[in-house]
Amino acid sequence: MSKSILCEVCEERPAIRKCRICGRRVCEKHLSEDGVCAVCTDLMCRVCKARLSVTSCILCGRPICRTCSVELEPGIRMCIHCASNISAKEQ
């Protein structure tokens, strides 16, 4: 008797593919067209939409990766959009 592997997101449907980023086995419902699972999609940087976020912008709250953010203090980051807006207002 063969037991199918369930989706690691919903744990209800059979897993059909692996996420190209994290390797989670997911069902069709929890996999985007570009092969990214729902969990990684939620954690994706909202600036570049290419890398996983490491934190949220201290001003706007959007999830951001290291590349798309400026570290203000250890553990405190601001997205490049907010940093750019602040720089423009100061000039």
N, C-alpha and C. Protein backbone atom coordinates (compact mmCIF):
# COMPACT_ATOMS: atom_id res chain seq x y z
N MET A 1 0.83 -1.17 0.00
CA MET A 1 0.00 0.00 0.00
C MET A 1 0.89 1.25 0.00
N SER A 2 0.71 2.10 -1.00
CA SER A 2 1.52 3.31 -1.13
C SER A 2 0.81 4.49 -0.48
N LYS A 3 1.51 5.16 0.40
CA LYS A 3 0.94 6.32 1.07
C LYS A 3 1.52 7.57 0.42
N SER A 4 0.64 8.45 -0.10
CA SER A 4 1.14 9.66 -0.74
C SER A 4 1.56 10.68 0.32
N ILE A 5 2.52 11.48 -0.05
CA ILE A 5 3.02 12.52 0.85
C ILE A 5 2.08 13.71 0.76
N LEU A 6 1.70 14.23 1.92
CA LEU A 6 0.78 15.37 1.95
C LEU A 6 1.53 16.69 1.85
N CYS A 7 0.82 17.68 1.36
CA CYS A 7 1.32 19.05 1.27
C CYS A 7 1.78 19.52 2.64
N GLU A 8 2.96 20.12 2.71
CA GLU A 8 3.50 20.60 3.98
C GLU A 8 2.88 21.92 4.44
N VAL A 9 2.02 22.51 3.61
CA VAL A 9 1.34 23.74 4.00
C VAL A 9 -0.05 23.42 4.56
N CYS A 10 -0.87 22.71 3.80
CA CYS A 10 -2.24 22.43 4.24
C CYS A 10 -2.39 21.07 4.91
N GLU A 11 -1.48 20.17 4.66
CA GLU A 11 -1.52 18.81 5.20
C GLU A 11 -2.83 18.10 4.86
N GLU A 12 -3.42 18.44 3.71
CA GLU A 12 -4.67 17.82 3.28
C GLU A 12 -4.55 17.18 1.90
N ARG A 13 -3.98 17.90 0.96
CA ARG A 13 -3.89 17.41 -0.42
C ARG A 13 -2.53 16.74 -0.65
N PRO A 14 -2.48 15.87 -1.65
CA PRO A 14 -1.20 15.23 -1.97
C PRO A 14 -0.18 16.27 -2.49
N ALA A 15 1.05 16.15 -2.04
CA ALA A 15 2.12 17.03 -2.52
C ALA A 15 2.51 16.58 -3.92
N ILE A 16 2.61 17.53 -4.82
CA ILE A 16 2.95 17.19 -6.21
C ILE A 16 4.31 17.70 -6.64
N ARG A 17 4.79 18.78 -5.98
CA ARG A 17 6.09 19.35 -6.36
C ARG A 17 6.78 19.93 -5.14
N LYS A 18 8.05 20.32 -5.35
CA LYS A 18 8.84 20.96 -4.30
C LYS A 18 9.01 22.43 -4.63
N CYS A 19 9.02 23.25 -3.59
CA CYS A 19 9.29 24.68 -3.74
C CYS A 19 10.74 24.85 -4.20
N ARG A 20 10.96 25.70 -5.17
CA ARG A 20 12.31 25.90 -5.70
C ARG A 20 13.21 26.67 -4.74
N ILE A 21 12.62 27.31 -3.73
CA ILE A 21 13.42 28.06 -2.76
C ILE A 21 13.74 27.23 -1.53
N CYS A 22 12.72 26.69 -0.88
CA CYS A 22 12.93 26.00 0.41
C CYS A 22 12.88 24.48 0.33
N GLY A 23 12.33 23.95 -0.76
CA GLY A 23 12.25 22.50 -0.90
C GLY A 23 11.02 21.86 -0.27
N ARG A 24 10.10 22.67 0.28
CA ARG A 24 8.87 22.10 0.84
C ARG A 24 8.11 21.35 -0.23
N ARG A 25 7.52 20.25 0.15
CA ARG A 25 6.65 19.50 -0.77
C ARG A 25 5.24 20.05 -0.61
N VAL A 26 4.68 20.53 -1.70
CA VAL A 26 3.38 21.20 -1.63
C VAL A 26 2.42 20.73 -2.71
N CYS A 27 1.13 20.98 -2.46
CA CYS A 27 0.09 20.66 -3.43
C CYS A 27 0.02 21.77 -4.48
N GLU A 28 -0.79 21.53 -5.49
CA GLU A 28 -0.94 22.49 -6.58
C GLU A 28 -1.46 23.84 -6.08
N LYS A 29 -2.35 23.82 -5.09
CA LYS A 29 -2.95 25.05 -4.55
C LYS A 29 -1.91 25.95 -3.87
N HIS A 30 -0.89 25.36 -3.28
CA HIS A 30 0.10 26.13 -2.52
C HIS A 30 1.42 26.32 -3.25
N LEU A 31 1.39 26.26 -4.58
CA LEU A 31 2.58 26.48 -5.40
C LEU A 31 2.27 27.49 -6.48
N SER A 32 3.06 28.54 -6.57
CA SER A 32 2.84 29.56 -7.61
C SER A 32 3.31 29.05 -8.96
N GLU A 33 2.98 29.79 -10.00
CA GLU A 33 3.39 29.41 -11.35
C GLU A 33 4.90 29.35 -11.51
N ASP A 34 5.63 30.17 -10.73
CA ASP A 34 7.09 30.17 -10.84
C ASP A 34 7.75 29.20 -9.87
N GLY A 35 6.96 28.29 -9.28
CA GLY A 35 7.53 27.22 -8.46
C GLY A 35 7.88 27.58 -7.03
N VAL A 36 7.23 28.62 -6.49
CA VAL A 36 7.50 29.06 -5.12
C VAL A 36 6.28 28.73 -4.26
N CYS A 37 6.52 28.14 -3.09
CA CYS A 37 5.41 27.76 -2.21
C CYS A 37 4.78 28.98 -1.55
N ALA A 38 3.59 28.79 -0.99
CA ALA A 38 2.84 29.88 -0.36
C ALA A 38 3.60 30.49 0.82
N VAL A 39 4.34 29.69 1.56
CA VAL A 39 5.09 30.20 2.71
C VAL A 39 6.20 31.14 2.23
N CYS A 40 6.98 30.70 1.25
CA CYS A 40 8.06 31.56 0.72
C CYS A 40 7.49 32.81 0.06
N THR A 41 6.35 32.69 -0.61
CA THR A 41 5.72 33.85 -1.23
C THR A 41 5.36 34.88 -0.17
N ASP A 42 4.82 34.44 0.96
CA ASP A 42 4.48 35.36 2.05
C ASP A 42 5.72 36.02 2.64
N LEU A 43 6.85 35.32 2.63
CA LEU A 43 8.08 35.83 3.24
C LEU A 43 8.98 36.58 2.26
N MET A 44 8.54 36.70 1.01
CA MET A 44 9.36 37.34 -0.03
C MET A 44 9.49 38.84 0.22
N CYS A 45 10.65 39.37 -0.07
CA CYS A 45 10.90 40.81 0.02
C CYS A 45 9.91 41.54 -0.89
N ARG A 46 9.23 42.55 -0.36
CA ARG A 46 8.23 43.28 -1.13
C ARG A 46 8.86 44.35 -2.03
N VAL A 47 10.16 44.55 -1.91
CA VAL A 47 10.83 45.52 -2.78
C VAL A 47 11.31 44.83 -4.05
N CYS A 48 12.16 43.81 -3.92
CA CYS A 48 12.73 43.14 -5.10
C CYS A 48 11.89 41.95 -5.56
N LYS A 49 11.11 41.37 -4.67
CA LYS A 49 10.29 40.19 -4.96
C LYS A 49 11.11 39.01 -5.48
N ALA A 50 12.40 38.98 -5.11
CA ALA A 50 13.29 37.91 -5.57
C ALA A 50 13.95 37.15 -4.43
N ARG A 51 14.12 37.81 -3.29
CA ARG A 51 14.81 37.19 -2.15
C ARG A 51 13.88 37.13 -0.94
N LEU A 52 14.16 36.18 -0.04
CA LEU A 52 13.39 36.09 1.19
C LEU A 52 13.72 37.26 2.10
N SER A 53 12.72 37.74 2.80
CA SER A 53 12.92 38.87 3.72
C SER A 53 13.65 38.42 4.98
N VAL A 54 14.32 39.35 5.61
CA VAL A 54 15.01 39.09 6.88
C VAL A 54 14.34 39.83 8.03
N THR A 55 13.57 40.86 7.70
CA THR A 55 12.88 41.66 8.72
C THR A 55 11.84 42.53 8.02
N SER A 56 11.22 43.41 8.77
CA SER A 56 10.27 44.38 8.22
C SER A 56 10.82 45.79 8.37
N CYS A 57 10.46 46.65 7.43
CA CYS A 57 10.87 48.05 7.49
C CYS A 57 10.29 48.69 8.74
N ILE A 58 11.12 49.41 9.46
CA ILE A 58 10.69 50.05 10.70
C ILE A 58 9.64 51.14 10.44
N LEU A 59 9.59 51.70 9.23
CA LEU A 59 8.61 52.76 8.93
C LEU A 59 7.33 52.24 8.28
N CYS A 60 7.46 51.54 7.16
CA CYS A 60 6.26 51.12 6.42
C CYS A 60 5.81 49.70 6.75
N GLY A 61 6.68 48.90 7.34
CA GLY A 61 6.30 47.56 7.76
C GLY A 61 6.41 46.48 6.70
N ARG A 62 6.78 46.84 5.49
CA ARG A 62 6.86 45.80 4.44
C ARG A 62 8.04 44.87 4.70
N PRO A 63 7.88 43.57 4.39
CA PRO A 63 9.00 42.62 4.54
C PRO A 63 10.12 42.99 3.57
N ILE A 64 11.37 42.98 4.06
CA ILE A 64 12.51 43.40 3.24
C ILE A 64 13.69 42.46 3.41
N CYS A 65 14.49 42.33 2.35
CA CYS A 65 15.72 41.54 2.40
C CYS A 65 16.89 42.46 2.76
N ARG A 66 18.06 41.90 2.96
CA ARG A 66 19.24 42.70 3.31
C ARG A 66 19.62 43.67 2.18
N THR A 67 19.52 43.20 0.95
CA THR A 67 19.93 44.01 -0.19
C THR A 67 19.03 45.23 -0.38
N CYS A 68 17.76 45.08 -0.09
CA CYS A 68 16.79 46.16 -0.31
C CYS A 68 16.52 46.99 0.94
N SER A 69 17.47 46.96 1.88
CA SER A 69 17.27 47.70 3.12
C SER A 69 18.57 48.34 3.59
N VAL A 70 18.41 49.27 4.51
CA VAL A 70 19.53 49.96 5.14
C VAL A 70 19.47 49.64 6.62
N GLU A 71 20.60 49.22 7.19
CA GLU A 71 20.63 48.93 8.62
C GLU A 71 20.88 50.22 9.39
N LEU A 72 19.93 50.59 10.23
CA LEU A 72 20.05 51.81 11.03
C LEU A 72 20.83 51.55 12.31
N GLU A 73 20.52 50.43 12.93
CA GLU A 73 21.20 49.93 14.12
C GLU A 73 21.16 48.41 14.00
N PRO A 74 21.97 47.70 14.77
CA PRO A 74 21.88 46.24 14.70
C PRO A 74 20.45 45.76 14.95
N GLY A 75 19.91 45.03 13.99
CA GLY A 75 18.56 44.49 14.10
C GLY A 75 17.44 45.44 13.70
N ILE A 76 17.77 46.66 13.31
CA ILE A 76 16.76 47.63 12.90
C ILE A 76 17.07 48.08 11.48
N ARG A 77 16.13 47.79 10.56
CA ARG A 77 16.35 48.10 9.15
C ARG A 77 15.19 48.92 8.60
N MET A 78 15.50 49.65 7.52
CA MET A 78 14.52 50.46 6.81
C MET A 78 14.62 50.09 5.33
N CYS A 79 13.49 50.00 4.64
CA CYS A 79 13.55 49.67 3.22
C CYS A 79 14.17 50.83 2.44
N ILE A 80 14.69 50.53 1.27
CA ILE A 80 15.36 51.55 0.47
C ILE A 80 14.39 52.64 0.00
N HIS A 81 13.10 52.31 -0.14
CA HIS A 81 12.11 53.32 -0.54
C HIS A 81 11.93 54.37 0.56
N CYS A 82 11.75 53.90 1.80
CA CYS A 82 11.59 54.84 2.92
C CYS A 82 12.87 55.64 3.14
N ALA A 83 14.02 54.99 3.03
CA ALA A 83 15.30 55.68 3.20
C ALA A 83 15.46 56.75 2.13
N SER A 84 15.06 56.44 0.90
CA SER A 84 15.15 57.39 -0.20
C SER A 84 14.21 58.58 0.03
N ASN A 85 13.00 58.30 0.52
CA ASN A 85 12.03 59.38 0.81
C ASN A 85 12.55 60.31 1.90
N ILE A 86 13.16 59.75 2.92
CA ILE A 86 13.72 60.57 4.00
C ILE A 86 14.86 61.43 3.49
N SER A 87 15.73 60.84 2.65
CA SER A 87 16.86 61.59 2.08
C SER A 87 16.37 62.74 1.21
N ALA A 88 15.31 62.49 0.43
CA ALA A 88 14.77 63.52 -0.45
C ALA A 88 14.17 64.67 0.35
N LYS A 89 13.52 64.36 1.47
CA LYS A 89 12.91 65.40 2.31
C LYS A 89 13.96 66.24 3.03
N GLU A 90 15.11 65.64 3.32
CA GLU A 90 16.17 66.35 4.03
C GLU A 90 16.92 67.31 3.13
N GLN A 91 16.80 67.16 1.83
CA GLN A 91 17.55 68.02 0.90
C GLN A 91 16.82 69.26 0.53
